[in-house]
């Protein structure tokens, strides 16, 4: 279990009283909200991130900005939604080294102050070894991060984080791309090789056809023809001499 800072617990009253005034104002470690709104989830995440990157804090629902405790209506379904919402933050808010938030750094408390009226507290604890250190430790996967000012959050930007599954997906995508490129060039090479073979065959066929034509046109002379031509010449020469 991680060591967390519990000094901020002194900000919590032992009991919340309806219509009473909270003894501490909003500040570096306190943020008040009238009620929990589904359409404000991103804003709540920013505040949680800012608390974790500073020295912890409490996001309290059921208190007005002026500190008046009015409570917030809460049914069983809403309770489950809030708990699931806080759990989901562990999946999208990570340390800058890609590791998870320790489970005991985020806690949710519900305190009933009147019939069907509750105070909801999301407590954010900074790890002890990080306490009083100013560097940003937590950020969202896209690179966005927040730090806590006097009573507001300031946005900062860091490089995009990749969780283990992201790296696996990227590697798989690169492998598929590599296979596609290899297949593409293998196909092109095979076609080129086939075209080369066809071209060489065409040259050889044309060469053979040319040789056949040349052989047909070429006069055929053998030894018998030479002897006959020789004898005929001698006969003609002797005939001319006699006459």
Protein backbone atom coordinates (compact mmCIF):
# COMPACT_ATOMS: atom_id res chain seq x y z
CA UNK A 1 0.00 0.00 0.00
CA UNK A 2 1.43 3.40 -0.96
CA UNK A 3 2.28 5.95 1.69
CA UNK A 4 -0.01 8.93 1.29
CA UNK A 5 -0.24 12.30 2.95
CA UNK A 6 -3.06 12.49 5.48
CA UNK A 7 -2.41 16.07 6.68
CA UNK A 8 -5.34 17.34 4.61
CA UNK A 9 -7.74 15.31 6.76
CA UNK A 10 -7.69 18.20 9.24
CA UNK A 11 -9.73 20.17 6.67
CA UNK A 12 -12.67 17.82 7.16
CA UNK A 13 -15.27 18.58 9.80
CA UNK A 14 -16.18 15.72 12.13
CA UNK A 15 -19.79 16.42 11.15
CA UNK A 16 -21.45 18.51 8.43
CA UNK A 17 -24.48 20.52 9.54
CA UNK A 18 -27.17 21.58 7.08
CA UNK A 19 -27.16 25.37 6.42
CA UNK A 20 -24.03 25.77 8.52
CA UNK A 21 -20.92 27.48 7.11
CA UNK A 22 -17.87 25.39 6.36
CA UNK A 23 -14.97 26.74 8.48
CA UNK A 24 -12.44 26.78 5.63
CA UNK A 25 -12.74 28.69 2.33
CA UNK A 26 -11.94 27.28 -1.11
CA UNK A 27 -8.24 27.25 -1.74
CA UNK A 28 -5.23 25.19 -2.76
CA UNK A 29 -6.64 22.05 -1.12
CA UNK A 30 -10.40 22.67 -1.22
CA UNK A 31 -12.94 22.92 -4.05
CA UNK A 32 -16.70 23.25 -3.43
CA UNK A 33 -19.50 22.17 -5.76
CA UNK A 34 -23.23 22.57 -5.21
CA UNK A 35 -24.01 19.13 -6.61
CA UNK A 36 -22.54 16.36 -8.77
CA UNK A 37 -23.38 17.01 -12.46
CA UNK A 38 -22.77 14.42 -15.18
CA UNK A 39 -22.01 17.16 -17.73
CA UNK A 40 -19.15 18.47 -15.55
CA UNK A 41 -17.12 15.25 -15.35
CA UNK A 42 -14.18 16.70 -17.31
CA UNK A 43 -13.97 19.66 -14.92
CA UNK A 44 -13.90 17.31 -11.93
CA UNK A 45 -11.08 15.31 -13.54
CA UNK A 46 -9.06 18.49 -13.98
CA UNK A 47 -9.45 19.36 -10.29
CA UNK A 48 -8.52 15.82 -9.20
CA UNK A 49 -5.42 15.93 -11.43
CA UNK A 50 -4.49 19.37 -10.03
CA UNK A 51 -4.82 18.15 -6.42
CA UNK A 52 -2.65 15.10 -7.13
CA UNK A 53 -0.01 17.29 -8.78
CA UNK A 54 0.09 19.71 -5.84
CA UNK A 55 -0.24 18.53 -2.24
CA UNK A 56 -3.57 16.78 -2.36
CA UNK A 57 -7.03 18.15 -1.67
CA UNK A 58 -10.76 17.53 -1.31
CA UNK A 59 -13.41 18.00 -3.98
CA UNK A 60 -16.61 18.41 -1.94
CA UNK A 61 -20.14 18.27 -3.37
CA UNK A 62 -23.01 19.76 -1.36
CA UNK A 63 -21.37 23.06 -0.38
CA UNK A 64 -22.02 26.38 -2.11
CA UNK A 65 -19.19 28.67 -3.24
CA UNK A 66 -19.84 30.89 -0.21
CA UNK A 67 -19.26 27.92 2.11
CA UNK A 68 -22.91 27.26 3.04
CA UNK A 69 -23.57 23.54 3.50
CA UNK A 70 -26.73 22.70 1.53
CA UNK A 71 -26.22 19.00 0.82
CA UNK A 72 -26.86 17.12 -2.42
CA UNK A 73 -29.66 14.67 -3.14
CA UNK A 74 -28.32 11.24 -3.86
CA UNK A 75 -29.94 7.94 -4.82
CA UNK A 76 -28.38 4.49 -5.09
CA UNK A 77 -27.87 4.87 -8.85
CA UNK A 78 -26.10 8.20 -8.41
CA UNK A 79 -23.88 6.67 -5.73
CA UNK A 80 -22.82 3.88 -8.11
CA UNK A 81 -22.16 6.40 -10.90
CA UNK A 82 -19.89 8.47 -8.66
CA UNK A 83 -17.94 5.42 -7.49
CA UNK A 84 -17.54 4.15 -11.07
CA UNK A 85 -16.52 7.62 -12.19
CA UNK A 86 -13.70 7.78 -9.64
CA UNK A 87 -12.61 4.24 -10.57
CA UNK A 88 -12.49 5.24 -14.27
CA UNK A 89 -9.99 7.99 -13.53
CA UNK A 90 -7.37 5.32 -12.83
CA UNK A 91 -7.63 4.28 -16.50
CA UNK A 92 -7.08 7.74 -18.01
CA UNK A 93 -4.91 9.57 -15.48
CA UNK A 94 -1.39 8.17 -15.19
CA UNK A 95 1.99 9.07 -13.82
CA UNK A 96 4.37 10.64 -16.34
CA UNK A 97 6.26 7.32 -16.45
CA UNK A 98 3.06 5.55 -17.56
CA UNK A 99 2.33 3.78 -14.25
CA UNK A 100 -1.05 3.86 -12.50
CA UNK A 101 -2.24 6.03 -9.65
CA UNK A 102 -2.01 4.07 -6.36
CA UNK A 103 -5.51 3.01 -5.36
CA UNK A 104 -5.31 4.67 -1.98
CA UNK A 105 -4.57 8.07 -3.52
CA UNK A 106 -8.25 8.50 -4.50
CA UNK A 107 -11.07 7.90 -2.02
CA UNK A 108 -14.80 8.70 -1.95
CA UNK A 109 -16.84 9.47 1.17
CA UNK A 110 -20.60 9.95 1.60
CA UNK A 111 -22.05 11.60 4.68
CA UNK A 112 -25.77 12.07 5.19
CA UNK A 113 -26.60 15.44 6.79
CA UNK A 114 -30.40 15.29 6.44
CA UNK A 115 -33.02 13.00 4.92
CA UNK A 116 -31.91 12.25 1.32
CA UNK A 117 -29.24 14.96 1.51
CA UNK A 118 -25.57 14.06 1.44
CA UNK A 119 -22.10 15.55 1.42
CA UNK A 120 -19.92 13.81 -1.20
CA UNK A 121 -16.16 14.07 -0.80
CA UNK A 122 -13.58 12.95 -3.35
CA UNK A 123 -10.29 13.03 -1.46
CA UNK A 124 -7.05 13.16 -3.44
CA UNK A 125 -3.87 12.19 -1.60
CA UNK A 126 -0.41 12.89 -2.92
CA UNK A 127 2.12 10.13 -2.33
CA UNK A 128 4.39 10.86 0.62
CA UNK A 129 7.63 10.63 -1.34
CA UNK A 130 6.25 13.26 -3.73
CA UNK A 131 5.00 15.65 -1.06
CA UNK A 132 6.48 19.17 -1.28
CA UNK A 133 8.00 18.31 -4.68
CA UNK A 134 6.92 20.78 -7.33
CA UNK A 135 7.24 18.68 -10.46
CA UNK A 136 4.15 17.43 -12.25
CA UNK A 137 3.66 13.72 -11.69
CA UNK A 138 0.21 12.96 -13.12
CA UNK A 139 -1.17 13.59 -16.58
CA UNK A 140 -3.88 12.30 -18.90
CA UNK A 141 -2.99 9.94 -21.74
CA UNK A 142 -3.32 12.72 -24.32
CA UNK A 143 -0.66 14.76 -22.52
CA UNK A 144 -2.90 17.31 -20.73
CA UNK A 145 -2.20 18.00 -17.07
CA UNK A 146 -3.27 20.48 -14.38
CA UNK A 147 -1.71 21.96 -11.27
CA UNK A 148 -3.51 23.68 -8.41
CA UNK A 149 -3.23 27.45 -7.95
CA UNK A 150 -4.75 29.42 -5.05
CA UNK A 151 -8.35 28.39 -5.79
CA UNK A 152 -8.27 27.34 -9.45
CA UNK A 153 -6.54 24.91 -11.82
CA UNK A 154 -3.86 25.77 -14.38
CA UNK A 155 -3.42 23.64 -17.46
CA UNK A 156 -0.02 22.34 -18.57
CA UNK A 157 0.95 20.14 -21.52
CA UNK A 158 3.27 17.17 -21.71
CA UNK A 159 4.05 14.50 -24.26
CA UNK A 160 1.48 11.86 -25.04
CA UNK A 161 1.62 8.76 -22.85
CA UNK A 162 1.35 5.25 -24.25
CA UNK A 163 0.09 2.50 -22.00
CA UNK A 164 1.18 -1.11 -22.56
CA UNK A 165 -1.87 -1.97 -24.69
CA UNK A 166 -1.22 1.09 -26.87
CA UNK A 167 2.33 -0.10 -27.52
CA UNK A 168 1.06 -3.58 -28.40
CA UNK A 169 -1.48 -2.07 -30.82
CA UNK A 170 1.17 0.16 -32.42
CA UNK A 171 3.55 -2.78 -32.88
CA UNK A 172 0.75 -4.90 -34.40
CA UNK A 173 -0.15 -2.06 -36.76
CA UNK A 174 3.50 -1.65 -37.82
CA UNK A 175 3.80 -5.41 -38.38
CA UNK A 176 0.67 -5.43 -40.57
CA UNK A 177 2.01 -2.47 -42.54
CA UNK A 178 5.33 -4.23 -43.02
CA UNK A 179 3.59 -7.37 -44.29
CA UNK A 180 1.50 -5.28 -46.70
CA UNK A 181 4.63 -3.62 -48.11
CA UNK A 182 6.48 -6.95 -48.44
CA UNK A 183 3.46 -8.55 -50.14
CA UNK A 184 3.11 -5.59 -52.48
CA UNK A 185 6.75 -5.71 -53.59
CA UNK A 186 6.74 -9.50 -53.81
CA UNK A 187 3.77 -9.23 -56.12
CA UNK A 188 5.47 -6.54 -58.20
CA UNK A 189 8.69 -8.59 -58.33
CA UNK A 190 6.80 -11.71 -59.41
CA UNK A 191 5.07 -9.75 -62.20
CA UNK A 192 8.37 -8.21 -63.27
CA UNK A 193 10.01 -11.66 -63.31
CA UNK A 194 7.13 -13.06 -65.35
CA UNK A 195 7.29 -10.15 -67.81
CA UNK A 196 11.08 -10.66 -68.18
CA UNK A 197 10.64 -14.36 -68.92
CA UNK A 198 7.95 -13.59 -71.53
CA UNK A 199 10.21 -10.95 -73.12
CA UNK A 200 13.20 -13.34 -73.30
CA UNK A 201 10.99 -16.09 -74.75
CA UNK A 202 9.75 -13.70 -77.43
CA UNK A 203 13.35 -12.82 -78.37
CA UNK A 204 14.33 -16.51 -78.57
CA UNK A 205 11.27 -17.37 -80.68
CA UNK A 206 11.99 -14.52 -83.10
CA UNK A 207 15.61 -15.59 -83.31
CA UNK A 208 14.60 -19.19 -84.14
CA UNK A 209 12.12 -18.03 -86.76
CA UNK A 210 14.83 -15.84 -88.39
CA UNK A 211 17.29 -18.76 -88.46
CA UNK A 212 14.67 -21.01 -90.08
CA UNK A 213 13.98 -18.45 -92.82
CA UNK A 214 17.69 -18.01 -93.46
CA UNK A 215 18.20 -21.75 -93.75
CA UNK A 216 15.40 -22.01 -96.34
CA UNK A 217 16.85 -19.23 -98.46
CA UNK A 218 20.46 -20.48 -98.23
CA UNK A 219 21.64 -22.59 -101.33
CA UNK A 220 22.62 -26.10 -100.47
CA UNK A 221 25.97 -27.18 -102.18
CA UNK A 222 27.48 -30.62 -101.65
CA UNK A 223 30.52 -32.59 -103.04
CA UNK A 224 28.58 -34.22 -105.85
CA UNK A 225 27.57 -30.86 -107.26
CA UNK A 226 31.20 -29.72 -107.19
CA UNK A 227 32.36 -32.85 -109.10
CA UNK A 228 29.66 -32.51 -111.71
CA UNK A 229 30.46 -28.83 -112.23
CA UNK A 230 34.14 -29.74 -112.58
CA UNK A 231 33.58 -32.49 -115.15
CA UNK A 232 31.25 -30.30 -117.16
CA UNK A 233 33.88 -27.59 -117.25
CA UNK A 234 36.59 -29.98 -118.46
CA UNK A 235 34.28 -31.34 -121.18
CA UNK A 236 33.48 -27.88 -122.44
CA UNK A 237 37.17 -26.88 -122.40
CA UNK A 238 38.22 -30.02 -124.40
CA UNK A 239 35.49 -29.42 -126.93
CA UNK A 240 36.65 -25.87 -127.50
CA UNK A 241 40.29 -26.97 -128.02
CA UNK A 242 39.37 -29.58 -130.65
CA UNK A 243 37.43 -27.17 -132.70
